[in-house]
């Protein structure tokens, strides 16, 4: 719950920071997500928090003794904290993108490749588009991502395709319409959007068709994506790949808590251009603090009961002649 985390933030933060220095396997899987959630609550310009988190998560990413799941989760958590807390410092984003590069190959495990691709895409979307189209940088990453569209895992293929779309989107923004090799890339993407091979499940083929149709349209026809999500009385609309990648990164971190944060966390709302909300309590928080059976409500009732007893005792003492000294 947001209110509980805010109230106990320092204690949670210091304990998690200490555990993260030498985590067990189970701790290593969950701690980066906790850092990400705390970062989403702190919001932008929390550079000291980012620096502390970076100091414990970067070694996990680079560690050869940690499992690939722990390394992937550490990379994802570090990316989310950088995106939400280290605003305005492109060097931090570039450094973490560099941590992703070694996992852009088909020998990396799917979880590591997928989260590296998603983290890279989220952070790349925060950079000036001119950085993404620098010749050496652009050529290298187009080659890496195109190769990853051959990966056996549909999530890796899809994430690689979305990063290709992001790079072409940057080229279109800078009026680069004649990139050498664009035709071959578009042909590959069109093929993926119509995949019919039985070596992939029907579900995977359907997911791949959906993603690569949009990717192909951006690469070949300069058409932006058009995605929307309903939030009760509000609607989120995305018309560029960067916003979609940022949304997916936050959703991956928050998971089932995404809706609550979109509705009540103004830092998250600001990321997606939603208006500031004055609503303090979510339904969950209201149940926790206002329900007659909640711990906090019981504690409050006990306190008020004690106060009534104390005041009645003072009144009785006064009436019996043992009241305050002095003139009346």
C-alpha atoms as a PDB file:
ATOM      1  CA  UNK A   1       0.000   0.000   0.000  1.00  0.00           C
ATOM      2  CA  UNK A   2       1.298   3.424  -0.940  1.00  0.00           C
ATOM      3  CA  UNK A   3       0.570   5.067   2.423  1.00  0.00           C
ATOM      4  CA  UNK A   4       2.267   2.294   4.390  1.00  0.00           C
ATOM      5  CA  UNK A   5       5.364   2.401   2.164  1.00  0.00           C
ATOM      6  CA  UNK A   6       5.617   6.189   2.447  1.00  0.00           C
ATOM      7  CA  UNK A   7       5.289   6.026   6.233  1.00  0.00           C
ATOM      8  CA  UNK A   8       8.000   3.366   6.574  1.00  0.00           C
ATOM      9  CA  UNK A   9      10.111   4.342   3.572  1.00  0.00           C
ATOM     10  CA  UNK A  10      13.448   4.858   5.349  1.00  0.00           C
ATOM     11  CA  UNK A  11      13.249   1.554   7.188  1.00  0.00           C
ATOM     12  CA  UNK A  12      12.294  -0.403   4.082  1.00  0.00           C
ATOM     13  CA  UNK A  13      14.941   1.337   1.986  1.00  0.00           C
ATOM     14  CA  UNK A  14      17.825   0.785   4.419  1.00  0.00           C
ATOM     15  CA  UNK A  15      16.933  -2.863   5.034  1.00  0.00           C
ATOM     16  CA  UNK A  16      16.633  -3.642   1.328  1.00  0.00           C
ATOM     17  CA  UNK A  17      19.853  -1.785   0.560  1.00  0.00           C
ATOM     18  CA  UNK A  18      21.704  -3.884   3.134  1.00  0.00           C
ATOM     19  CA  UNK A  19      20.260  -7.192   1.895  1.00  0.00           C
ATOM     20  CA  UNK A  20      21.020  -6.296  -1.737  1.00  0.00           C
ATOM     21  CA  UNK A  21      24.758  -6.319  -1.089  1.00  0.00           C
ATOM     22  CA  UNK A  22      24.777 -10.113  -0.676  1.00  0.00           C
ATOM     23  CA  UNK A  23      21.319 -11.427  -1.556  1.00  0.00           C
ATOM     24  CA  UNK A  24      20.144 -15.001  -1.627  1.00  0.00           C
ATOM     25  CA  UNK A  25      18.574 -16.262  -4.846  1.00  0.00           C
ATOM     26  CA  UNK A  26      15.044 -15.480  -3.646  1.00  0.00           C
ATOM     27  CA  UNK A  27      16.073 -12.062  -2.321  1.00  0.00           C
ATOM     28  CA  UNK A  28      17.899 -11.257  -5.553  1.00  0.00           C
ATOM     29  CA  UNK A  29      14.744 -11.910  -7.551  1.00  0.00           C
ATOM     30  CA  UNK A  30      12.523  -9.526  -5.578  1.00  0.00           C
ATOM     31  CA  UNK A  31      14.821  -6.766  -4.275  1.00  0.00           C
ATOM     32  CA  UNK A  32      15.308  -4.967  -7.632  1.00  0.00           C
ATOM     33  CA  UNK A  33      11.539  -4.709  -8.004  1.00  0.00           C
ATOM     34  CA  UNK A  34      11.255  -3.208  -4.522  1.00  0.00           C
ATOM     35  CA  UNK A  35      13.860  -0.615  -5.500  1.00  0.00           C
ATOM     36  CA  UNK A  36      11.850   0.130  -8.630  1.00  0.00           C
ATOM     37  CA  UNK A  37       8.597   0.590  -6.707  1.00  0.00           C
ATOM     38  CA  UNK A  38      10.263   2.858  -4.137  1.00  0.00           C
ATOM     39  CA  UNK A  39      11.762   4.870  -6.991  1.00  0.00           C
ATOM     40  CA  UNK A  40       8.335   5.301  -8.564  1.00  0.00           C
ATOM     41  CA  UNK A  41       7.103   6.669  -5.242  1.00  0.00           C
ATOM     42  CA  UNK A  42      10.048   9.069  -4.850  1.00  0.00           C
ATOM     43  CA  UNK A  43       9.761  10.424  -8.365  1.00  0.00           C
ATOM     44  CA  UNK A  44      12.150  12.610 -10.378  1.00  0.00           C
ATOM     45  CA  UNK A  45      15.279  14.387  -9.147  1.00  0.00           C
ATOM     46  CA  UNK A  46      16.080  11.639  -6.634  1.00  0.00           C
ATOM     47  CA  UNK A  47      19.678  11.317  -7.793  1.00  0.00           C
ATOM     48  CA  UNK A  48      21.076  10.257  -4.425  1.00  0.00           C
ATOM     49  CA  UNK A  49      18.610   7.371  -4.319  1.00  0.00           C
ATOM     50  CA  UNK A  50      19.594   6.335  -7.851  1.00  0.00           C
ATOM     51  CA  UNK A  51      23.295   6.400  -6.941  1.00  0.00           C
ATOM     52  CA  UNK A  52      22.739   4.145  -3.911  1.00  0.00           C
ATOM     53  CA  UNK A  53      20.638   1.688  -5.902  1.00  0.00           C
ATOM     54  CA  UNK A  54      23.149   1.666  -8.753  1.00  0.00           C
ATOM     55  CA  UNK A  55      25.955   0.842  -6.315  1.00  0.00           C
ATOM     56  CA  UNK A  56      24.274  -2.447  -5.313  1.00  0.00           C
ATOM     57  CA  UNK A  57      22.420  -3.490  -8.483  1.00  0.00           C
ATOM     58  CA  UNK A  58      25.161  -2.919 -11.059  1.00  0.00           C
ATOM     59  CA  UNK A  59      27.463  -5.497  -9.386  1.00  0.00           C
ATOM     60  CA  UNK A  60      24.591  -8.020  -9.517  1.00  0.00           C
ATOM     61  CA  UNK A  61      24.155  -7.424 -13.251  1.00  0.00           C
ATOM     62  CA  UNK A  62      27.865  -7.982 -13.851  1.00  0.00           C
ATOM     63  CA  UNK A  63      28.178 -10.957 -11.494  1.00  0.00           C
ATOM     64  CA  UNK A  64      29.040 -14.342 -12.977  1.00  0.00           C
ATOM     65  CA  UNK A  65      27.911 -16.180  -9.843  1.00  0.00           C
ATOM     66  CA  UNK A  66      24.351 -14.832  -9.777  1.00  0.00           C
ATOM     67  CA  UNK A  67      21.652 -16.627 -11.754  1.00  0.00           C
ATOM     68  CA  UNK A  68      20.466 -15.112 -15.018  1.00  0.00           C
ATOM     69  CA  UNK A  69      17.098 -14.351 -13.434  1.00  0.00           C
ATOM     70  CA  UNK A  70      18.727 -12.325 -10.655  1.00  0.00           C
ATOM     71  CA  UNK A  71      20.944 -10.503 -13.158  1.00  0.00           C
ATOM     72  CA  UNK A  72      17.951  -9.771 -15.383  1.00  0.00           C
ATOM     73  CA  UNK A  73      15.849  -8.491 -12.483  1.00  0.00           C
ATOM     74  CA  UNK A  74      18.739  -6.308 -11.309  1.00  0.00           C
ATOM     75  CA  UNK A  75      19.073  -4.812 -14.782  1.00  0.00           C
ATOM     76  CA  UNK A  76      15.345  -4.164 -14.996  1.00  0.00           C
ATOM     77  CA  UNK A  77      15.211  -2.579 -11.529  1.00  0.00           C
ATOM     78  CA  UNK A  78      18.211  -0.377 -12.253  1.00  0.00           C
ATOM     79  CA  UNK A  79      16.618   0.771 -15.505  1.00  0.00           C
ATOM     80  CA  UNK A  80      13.325   1.684 -13.820  1.00  0.00           C
ATOM     81  CA  UNK A  81      15.081   3.646 -11.065  1.00  0.00           C
ATOM     82  CA  UNK A  82      17.209   5.475 -13.633  1.00  0.00           C
ATOM     83  CA  UNK A  83      14.160   6.299 -15.738  1.00  0.00           C
ATOM     84  CA  UNK A  84      12.079   7.584 -12.827  1.00  0.00           C
ATOM     85  CA  UNK A  85      14.658   9.131 -10.477  1.00  0.00           C
ATOM     86  CA  UNK A  86      17.718  10.211 -12.478  1.00  0.00           C
ATOM     87  CA  UNK A  87      15.958  12.670 -14.749  1.00  0.00           C
ATOM     88  CA  UNK A  88      18.004  14.949 -16.965  1.00  0.00           C
ATOM     89  CA  UNK A  89      21.247  12.961 -16.757  1.00  0.00           C
ATOM     90  CA  UNK A  90      21.662  11.159 -20.069  1.00  0.00           C
ATOM     91  CA  UNK A  91      25.016   9.690 -19.045  1.00  0.00           C
ATOM     92  CA  UNK A  92      23.354   7.444 -16.463  1.00  0.00           C
ATOM     93  CA  UNK A  93      20.920   6.115 -19.067  1.00  0.00           C
ATOM     94  CA  UNK A  94      23.733   5.536 -21.554  1.00  0.00           C
ATOM     95  CA  UNK A  95      25.788   3.639 -18.972  1.00  0.00           C
ATOM     96  CA  UNK A  96      22.923   1.272 -18.188  1.00  0.00           C
ATOM     97  CA  UNK A  97      22.210   0.783 -21.885  1.00  0.00           C
ATOM     98  CA  UNK A  98      25.850  -0.276 -22.130  1.00  0.00           C
ATOM     99  CA  UNK A  99      25.195  -2.908 -19.446  1.00  0.00           C
ATOM    100  CA  UNK A 100      22.442  -4.303 -21.684  1.00  0.00           C
ATOM    101  CA  UNK A 101      24.603  -4.699 -24.804  1.00  0.00           C
ATOM    102  CA  UNK A 102      26.401  -7.949 -23.810  1.00  0.00           C
ATOM    103  CA  UNK A 103      23.039  -9.753 -23.640  1.00  0.00           C
ATOM    104  CA  UNK A 104      21.986  -8.882 -27.196  1.00  0.00           C
ATOM    105  CA  UNK A 105      22.754 -12.280 -28.664  1.00  0.00           C
ATOM    106  CA  UNK A 106      20.869 -15.511 -29.194  1.00  0.00           C
ATOM    107  CA  UNK A 107      23.027 -17.406 -26.703  1.00  0.00           C
ATOM    108  CA  UNK A 108      21.714 -15.327 -23.784  1.00  0.00           C
ATOM    109  CA  UNK A 109      18.873 -16.875 -21.813  1.00  0.00           C
ATOM    110  CA  UNK A 110      15.431 -15.569 -22.840  1.00  0.00           C
ATOM    111  CA  UNK A 111      14.743 -13.790 -19.542  1.00  0.00           C
ATOM    112  CA  UNK A 112      18.072 -11.956 -19.664  1.00  0.00           C
ATOM    113  CA  UNK A 113      17.770 -11.036 -23.343  1.00  0.00           C
ATOM    114  CA  UNK A 114      14.142  -9.906 -22.972  1.00  0.00           C
ATOM    115  CA  UNK A 115      14.668  -7.658 -19.950  1.00  0.00           C
ATOM    116  CA  UNK A 116      17.896  -6.265 -21.424  1.00  0.00           C
ATOM    117  CA  UNK A 117      16.009  -5.335 -24.611  1.00  0.00           C
ATOM    118  CA  UNK A 118      13.125  -3.782 -22.690  1.00  0.00           C
ATOM    119  CA  UNK A 119      15.435  -1.844 -20.365  1.00  0.00           C
ATOM    120  CA  UNK A 120      17.481  -0.592 -23.320  1.00  0.00           C
ATOM    121  CA  UNK A 121      14.340   0.520 -25.158  1.00  0.00           C
ATOM    122  CA  UNK A 122      12.888   2.350 -22.162  1.00  0.00           C
ATOM    123  CA  UNK A 123      16.107   4.282 -21.503  1.00  0.00           C
ATOM    124  CA  UNK A 124      16.826   4.915 -25.196  1.00  0.00           C
ATOM    125  CA  UNK A 125      13.408   6.553 -25.453  1.00  0.00           C
ATOM    126  CA  UNK A 126      14.503   9.196 -22.921  1.00  0.00           C
ATOM    127  CA  UNK A 127      17.548  10.273 -24.964  1.00  0.00           C
ATOM    128  CA  UNK A 128      17.679  12.884 -27.682  1.00  0.00           C
ATOM    129  CA  UNK A 129      16.904  11.143 -30.970  1.00  0.00           C
ATOM    130  CA  UNK A 130      20.132  12.494 -32.500  1.00  0.00           C
ATOM    131  CA  UNK A 131      22.098  10.235 -30.134  1.00  0.00           C
ATOM    132  CA  UNK A 132      20.272   7.148 -31.403  1.00  0.00           C
ATOM    133  CA  UNK A 133      21.071   7.872 -35.049  1.00  0.00           C
ATOM    134  CA  UNK A 134      24.819   8.338 -34.650  1.00  0.00           C
ATOM    135  CA  UNK A 135      26.247   6.167 -37.408  1.00  0.00           C
ATOM    136  CA  UNK A 136      28.252   3.635 -35.402  1.00  0.00           C
ATOM    137  CA  UNK A 137      25.627   3.361 -32.668  1.00  0.00           C
ATOM    138  CA  UNK A 138      22.735   3.005 -35.108  1.00  0.00           C
ATOM    139  CA  UNK A 139      24.368   0.432 -37.388  1.00  0.00           C
ATOM    140  CA  UNK A 140      25.549  -1.708 -34.478  1.00  0.00           C
ATOM    141  CA  UNK A 141      22.177  -1.874 -32.754  1.00  0.00           C
ATOM    142  CA  UNK A 142      20.129  -2.366 -35.900  1.00  0.00           C
ATOM    143  CA  UNK A 143      22.288  -5.403 -36.660  1.00  0.00           C
ATOM    144  CA  UNK A 144      21.975  -6.777 -33.115  1.00  0.00           C
ATOM    145  CA  UNK A 145      18.217  -6.323 -32.933  1.00  0.00           C
ATOM    146  CA  UNK A 146      17.583  -7.729 -36.392  1.00  0.00           C
ATOM    147  CA  UNK A 147      19.509 -10.881 -35.459  1.00  0.00           C
ATOM    148  CA  UNK A 148      17.449 -11.222 -32.274  1.00  0.00           C
ATOM    149  CA  UNK A 149      14.236 -11.348 -34.316  1.00  0.00           C
ATOM    150  CA  UNK A 150      15.405 -14.907 -35.125  1.00  0.00           C
ATOM    151  CA  UNK A 151      15.386 -15.865 -31.439  1.00  0.00           C
ATOM    152  CA  UNK A 152      13.423 -18.966 -30.423  1.00  0.00           C
ATOM    153  CA  UNK A 153      11.550 -17.007 -27.726  1.00  0.00           C
ATOM    154  CA  UNK A 154       8.594 -14.898 -28.879  1.00  0.00           C
ATOM    155  CA  UNK A 155       9.098 -12.293 -26.137  1.00  0.00           C
ATOM    156  CA  UNK A 156      12.706 -11.752 -27.222  1.00  0.00           C
ATOM    157  CA  UNK A 157      11.679 -11.492 -30.875  1.00  0.00           C
ATOM    158  CA  UNK A 158       8.964  -8.982 -30.036  1.00  0.00           C
ATOM    159  CA  UNK A 159      11.193  -6.819 -27.823  1.00  0.00           C
ATOM    160  CA  UNK A 160      13.887  -6.783 -30.510  1.00  0.00           C
ATOM    161  CA  UNK A 161      11.308  -5.742 -33.107  1.00  0.00           C
ATOM    162  CA  UNK A 162      10.053  -2.895 -30.937  1.00  0.00           C
ATOM    163  CA  UNK A 163      13.612  -1.608 -30.505  1.00  0.00           C
ATOM    164  CA  UNK A 164      14.016  -1.654 -34.290  1.00  0.00           C
ATOM    165  CA  UNK A 165      10.853   0.439 -34.557  1.00  0.00           C
ATOM    166  CA  UNK A 166      12.215   2.882 -31.960  1.00  0.00           C
ATOM    167  CA  UNK A 167      15.409   3.395 -33.967  1.00  0.00           C
ATOM    168  CA  UNK A 168      13.511   3.917 -37.217  1.00  0.00           C
ATOM    169  CA  UNK A 169      11.219   6.336 -35.411  1.00  0.00           C
ATOM    170  CA  UNK A 170      14.336   8.318 -34.423  1.00  0.00           C
ATOM    171  CA  UNK A 171      15.506   8.281 -38.043  1.00  0.00           C
ATOM    172  CA  UNK A 172      12.144   9.560 -39.267  1.00  0.00           C
ATOM    173  CA  UNK A 173      12.229  12.367 -36.682  1.00  0.00           C
ATOM    174  CA  UNK A 174      15.570  13.439 -38.138  1.00  0.00           C
ATOM    175  CA  UNK A 175      14.400  13.117 -41.763  1.00  0.00           C
ATOM    176  CA  UNK A 176      16.542  10.081 -42.564  1.00  0.00           C
ATOM    177  CA  UNK A 177      14.368   8.280 -45.083  1.00  0.00           C
ATOM    178  CA  UNK A 178      16.945   6.463 -47.185  1.00  0.00           C
ATOM    179  CA  UNK A 179      18.828   4.284 -44.704  1.00  0.00           C
ATOM    180  CA  UNK A 180      20.793   1.612 -46.546  1.00  0.00           C
ATOM    181  CA  UNK A 181      19.401  -1.779 -45.652  1.00  0.00           C
ATOM    182  CA  UNK A 182      15.979  -0.443 -44.644  1.00  0.00           C
ATOM    183  CA  UNK A 183      14.329  -2.474 -47.404  1.00  0.00           C
ATOM    184  CA  UNK A 184      15.855  -5.742 -46.204  1.00  0.00           C
ATOM    185  CA  UNK A 185      14.859  -4.990 -42.618  1.00  0.00           C
ATOM    186  CA  UNK A 186      11.292  -4.178 -43.677  1.00  0.00           C
ATOM    187  CA  UNK A 187      11.074  -7.433 -45.655  1.00  0.00           C
ATOM    188  CA  UNK A 188      12.151  -9.421 -42.601  1.00  0.00           C
ATOM    189  CA  UNK A 189       9.599  -7.642 -40.417  1.00  0.00           C
ATOM    190  CA  UNK A 190       6.825  -8.265 -42.922  1.00  0.00           C
ATOM    191  CA  UNK A 191       7.729 -11.948 -42.925  1.00  0.00           C
ATOM    192  CA  UNK A 192       7.548 -12.037 -39.132  1.00  0.00           C
ATOM    193  CA  UNK A 193       4.160 -10.302 -39.181  1.00  0.00           C
ATOM    194  CA  UNK A 194       2.832 -13.212 -41.261  1.00  0.00           C
ATOM    195  CA  UNK A 195       4.668 -16.065 -39.519  1.00  0.00           C
ATOM    196  CA  UNK A 196       2.937 -19.379 -40.185  1.00  0.00           C
ATOM    197  CA  UNK A 197       5.538 -21.901 -39.064  1.00  0.00           C
ATOM    198  CA  UNK A 198       4.135 -24.705 -36.913  1.00  0.00           C
ATOM    199  CA  UNK A 199       7.313 -24.716 -34.825  1.00  0.00           C
ATOM    200  CA  UNK A 200       5.724 -21.849 -32.877  1.00  0.00           C
ATOM    201  CA  UNK A 201       2.485 -22.213 -30.925  1.00  0.00           C
ATOM    202  CA  UNK A 202      -0.701 -20.603 -32.192  1.00  0.00           C
ATOM    203  CA  UNK A 203      -0.631 -18.197 -29.235  1.00  0.00           C
ATOM    204  CA  UNK A 204       2.961 -17.143 -29.976  1.00  0.00           C
ATOM    205  CA  UNK A 205       2.193 -16.649 -33.660  1.00  0.00           C
ATOM    206  CA  UNK A 206      -0.802 -14.477 -32.819  1.00  0.00           C
ATOM    207  CA  UNK A 207       1.264 -12.327 -30.446  1.00  0.00           C
ATOM    208  CA  UNK A 208       4.071 -12.031 -32.994  1.00  0.00           C
ATOM    209  CA  UNK A 209       1.672 -11.031 -35.791  1.00  0.00           C
ATOM    210  CA  UNK A 210       0.205  -8.265 -33.630  1.00  0.00           C
ATOM    211  CA  UNK A 211       3.574  -6.773 -32.638  1.00  0.00           C
ATOM    212  CA  UNK A 212       5.291  -7.013 -35.994  1.00  0.00           C
ATOM    213  CA  UNK A 213       2.387  -5.550 -37.966  1.00  0.00           C
ATOM    214  CA  UNK A 214       2.879  -2.305 -36.045  1.00  0.00           C
ATOM    215  CA  UNK A 215       6.676  -2.543 -36.218  1.00  0.00           C
ATOM    216  CA  UNK A 216       6.572  -3.114 -39.976  1.00  0.00           C
ATOM    217  CA  UNK A 217       4.226  -0.168 -40.522  1.00  0.00           C
ATOM    218  CA  UNK A 218       6.610   2.133 -38.653  1.00  0.00           C
ATOM    219  CA  UNK A 219       9.709   0.913 -40.496  1.00  0.00           C
ATOM    220  CA  UNK A 220       8.222   0.677 -43.986  1.00  0.00           C
ATOM    221  CA  UNK A 221       5.514   3.337 -43.961  1.00  0.00           C
ATOM    222  CA  UNK A 222       6.520   5.718 -41.139  1.00  0.00           C
ATOM    223  CA  UNK A 223       3.208   5.008 -39.414  1.00  0.00           C
ATOM    224  CA  UNK A 224       3.231   5.508 -35.626  1.00  0.00           C
ATOM    225  CA  UNK A 225       1.646   2.923 -33.321  1.00  0.00           C
ATOM    226  CA  UNK A 226      -1.810   3.601 -31.947  1.00  0.00           C
ATOM    227  CA  UNK A 227      -2.380   2.018 -28.538  1.00  0.00           C
ATOM    228  CA  UNK A 228      -4.896   2.923 -25.835  1.00  0.00           C
ATOM    229  CA  UNK A 229      -5.764   1.640 -22.359  1.00  0.00           C
ATOM    230  CA  UNK A 230      -8.936   2.405 -20.395  1.00  0.00           C
ATOM    231  CA  UNK A 231      -8.652   3.491 -16.728  1.00  0.00           C
ATOM    232  CA  UNK A 232     -12.238   3.789 -15.495  1.00  0.00           C
ATOM    233  CA  UNK A 233     -12.965   7.444 -16.390  1.00  0.00           C
ATOM    234  CA  UNK A 234      -9.617   8.063 -18.117  1.00  0.00           C
ATOM    235  CA  UNK A 235      -7.856   6.743 -21.200  1.00  0.00           C
ATOM    236  CA  UNK A 236      -4.133   6.358 -21.848  1.00  0.00           C
ATOM    237  CA  UNK A 237      -3.207   6.854 -25.502  1.00  0.00           C
ATOM    238  CA  UNK A 238       0.215   6.180 -27.009  1.00  0.00           C
ATOM    239  CA  UNK A 239       1.275   7.263 -30.487  1.00  0.00           C
ATOM    240  CA  UNK A 240       5.007   6.631 -30.325  1.00  0.00           C
ATOM    241  CA  UNK A 241       7.207   3.664 -29.480  1.00  0.00           C
ATOM    242  CA  UNK A 242       9.059   5.411 -26.670  1.00  0.00           C
ATOM    243  CA  UNK A 243       5.899   5.930 -24.616  1.00  0.00           C
ATOM    244  CA  UNK A 244       4.860   2.319 -25.146  1.00  0.00           C
ATOM    245  CA  UNK A 245       8.254   1.077 -23.964  1.00  0.00           C
ATOM    246  CA  UNK A 246       8.140   3.299 -20.892  1.00  0.00           C
ATOM    247  CA  UNK A 247       4.659   2.041 -20.051  1.00  0.00           C
ATOM    248  CA  UNK A 248       5.731  -1.591 -20.476  1.00  0.00           C
ATOM    249  CA  UNK A 249       8.801  -1.084 -18.264  1.00  0.00           C
ATOM    250  CA  UNK A 250       6.711   0.395 -15.459  1.00  0.00           C
ATOM    251  CA  UNK A 251       4.066  -2.305 -15.868  1.00  0.00           C
ATOM    252  CA  UNK A 252       6.731  -5.034 -15.704  1.00  0.00           C
ATOM    253  CA  UNK A 253       7.917  -3.561 -12.407  1.00  0.00           C
ATOM    254  CA  UNK A 254       4.539  -2.884 -10.773  1.00  0.00           C
ATOM    255  CA  UNK A 255       2.672  -5.853 -12.265  1.00  0.00           C
ATOM    256  CA  UNK A 256      -0.689  -6.187 -10.468  1.00  0.00           C
ATOM    257  CA  UNK A 257      -0.122  -2.821  -8.757  1.00  0.00           C
ATOM    258  CA  UNK A 258      -0.003  -0.905 -12.048  1.00  0.00           C
ATOM    259  CA  UNK A 259      -3.629   0.247 -11.938  1.00  0.00           C
ATOM    260  CA  UNK A 260      -3.386   1.524  -8.359  1.00  0.00           C
ATOM    261  CA  UNK A 261      -0.291   3.572  -9.185  1.00  0.00           C
ATOM    262  CA  UNK A 262      -1.831   4.958 -12.370  1.00  0.00           C
ATOM    263  CA  UNK A 263      -4.839   6.094 -10.367  1.00  0.00           C
ATOM    264  CA  UNK A 264      -3.202   7.395  -7.185  1.00  0.00           C
ATOM    265  CA  UNK A 265       0.570   7.894  -7.670  1.00  0.00           C
ATOM    266  CA  UNK A 266       1.059  11.346  -9.172  1.00  0.00           C
ATOM    267  CA  UNK A 267       4.670  10.593 -10.144  1.00  0.00           C
ATOM    268  CA  UNK A 268       3.450   7.729 -12.327  1.00  0.00           C
ATOM    269  CA  UNK A 269       0.552   9.795 -13.643  1.00  0.00           C
ATOM    270  CA  UNK A 270       2.962  12.555 -14.633  1.00  0.00           C
ATOM    271  CA  UNK A 271       5.063  10.102 -16.639  1.00  0.00           C
ATOM    272  CA  UNK A 272       2.058   9.429 -18.858  1.00  0.00           C
ATOM    273  CA  UNK A 273       0.685  12.987 -18.993  1.00  0.00           C
ATOM    274  CA  UNK A 274      -2.294  12.236 -16.781  1.00  0.00           C
ATOM    275  CA  UNK A 275      -3.596  15.157 -14.677  1.00  0.00           C
ATOM    276  CA  UNK A 276      -2.630  15.450 -11.029  1.00  0.00           C
ATOM    277  CA  UNK A 277      -5.046  13.680  -8.726  1.00  0.00           C
ATOM    278  CA  UNK A 278      -5.984  15.001  -5.298  1.00  0.00           C
ATOM    279  CA  UNK A 279      -7.293  11.579  -4.219  1.00  0.00           C
ATOM    280  CA  UNK A 280      -5.085  10.402  -1.360  1.00  0.00           C
ATOM    281  CA  UNK A 281      -6.437   6.957  -0.553  1.00  0.00           C
ATOM    282  CA  UNK A 282      -6.853   4.029  -2.874  1.00  0.00           C
ATOM    283  CA  UNK A 283      -9.612   1.536  -2.135  1.00  0.00           C
ATOM    284  CA  UNK A 284      -7.038  -0.767  -0.578  1.00  0.00           C
ATOM    285  CA  UNK A 285      -5.712   1.980   1.688  1.00  0.00           C
ATOM    286  CA  UNK A 286      -9.235   2.963   2.707  1.00  0.00           C
ATOM    287  CA  UNK A 287      -9.974  -0.623   3.709  1.00  0.00           C
ATOM    288  CA  UNK A 288      -6.726  -0.770   5.654  1.00  0.00           C
ATOM    289  CA  UNK A 289      -7.237   2.484   7.550  1.00  0.00           C
ATOM    290  CA  UNK A 290     -10.997   3.008   7.790  1.00  0.00           C
ATOM    291  CA  UNK A 291     -12.478  -0.469   8.044  1.00  0.00           C
ATOM    292  CA  UNK A 292     -13.825  -1.304  11.508  1.00  0.00           C
ATOM    293  CA  UNK A 293     -11.819  -4.520  11.454  1.00  0.00           C
ATOM    294  CA  UNK A 294      -8.526  -2.975  10.316  1.00  0.00           C
ATOM    295  CA  UNK A 295      -5.547  -2.874  12.659  1.00  0.00           C
ATOM    296  CA  UNK A 296      -5.165   0.887  12.440  1.00  0.00           C
ATOM    297  CA  UNK A 297      -8.886   1.445  13.099  1.00  0.00           C
ATOM    298  CA  UNK A 298      -8.765  -0.848  16.151  1.00  0.00           C
ATOM    299  CA  UNK A 299      -5.678   0.981  17.410  1.00  0.00           C
ATOM    300  CA  UNK A 300      -7.408   4.334  16.947  1.00  0.00           C
ATOM    301  CA  UNK A 301     -10.534   3.096  18.771  1.00  0.00           C
ATOM    302  CA  UNK A 302      -8.459   1.842  21.707  1.00  0.00           C
ATOM    303  CA  UNK A 303      -6.668   5.193  21.926  1.00  0.00           C
ATOM    304  CA  UNK A 304      -9.959   7.133  21.959  1.00  0.00           C
ATOM    305  CA  UNK A 305     -11.370   4.781  24.599  1.00  0.00           C
ATOM    306  CA  UNK A 306      -8.341   5.393  26.832  1.00  0.00           C
ATOM    307  CA  UNK A 307      -8.685   9.149  26.296  1.00  0.00           C
ATOM    308  CA  UNK A 308     -12.334   9.057  27.375  1.00  0.00           C
ATOM    309  CA  UNK A 309     -11.407   7.106  30.518  1.00  0.00           C
ATOM    310  CA  UNK A 310      -8.630   9.581  31.323  1.00  0.00           C
ATOM    311  CA  UNK A 311     -10.887  12.627  30.913  1.00  0.00           C
ATOM    312  CA  UNK A 312     -13.652  11.009  32.992  1.00  0.00           C
ATOM    313  CA  UNK A 313     -11.095  10.248  35.708  1.00  0.00           C
ATOM    314  CA  UNK A 314      -9.918  13.859  35.773  1.00  0.00           C
ATOM    315  CA  UNK A 315     -13.532  15.052  35.976  1.00  0.00           C
ATOM    316  CA  UNK A 316     -14.281  12.706  38.888  1.00  0.00           C
ATOM    317  CA  UNK A 317     -11.159  13.822  40.734  1.00  0.00           C
ATOM    318  CA  UNK A 318     -12.121  17.464  40.300  1.00  0.00           C
ATOM    319  CA  UNK A 319     -15.685  16.896  41.507  1.00  0.00           C
ATOM    320  CA  UNK A 320     -14.346  15.051  44.560  1.00  0.00           C
ATOM    321  CA  UNK A 321     -12.221  18.044  45.514  1.00  0.00           C
ATOM    322  CA  UNK A 322      -8.921  16.947  44.109  1.00  0.00           C
ATOM    323  CA  UNK A 323      -8.957  19.219  41.096  1.00  0.00           C
ATOM    324  CA  UNK A 324      -6.503  21.885  39.930  1.00  0.00           C
ATOM    325  CA  UNK A 325      -5.080  24.322  42.462  1.00  0.00           C
ATOM    326  CA  UNK A 326      -5.715  28.027  41.982  1.00  0.00           C
ATOM    327  CA  UNK A 327      -8.513  30.522  41.845  1.00  0.00           C
ATOM    328  CA  UNK A 328     -11.594  30.098  39.643  1.00  0.00           C
END
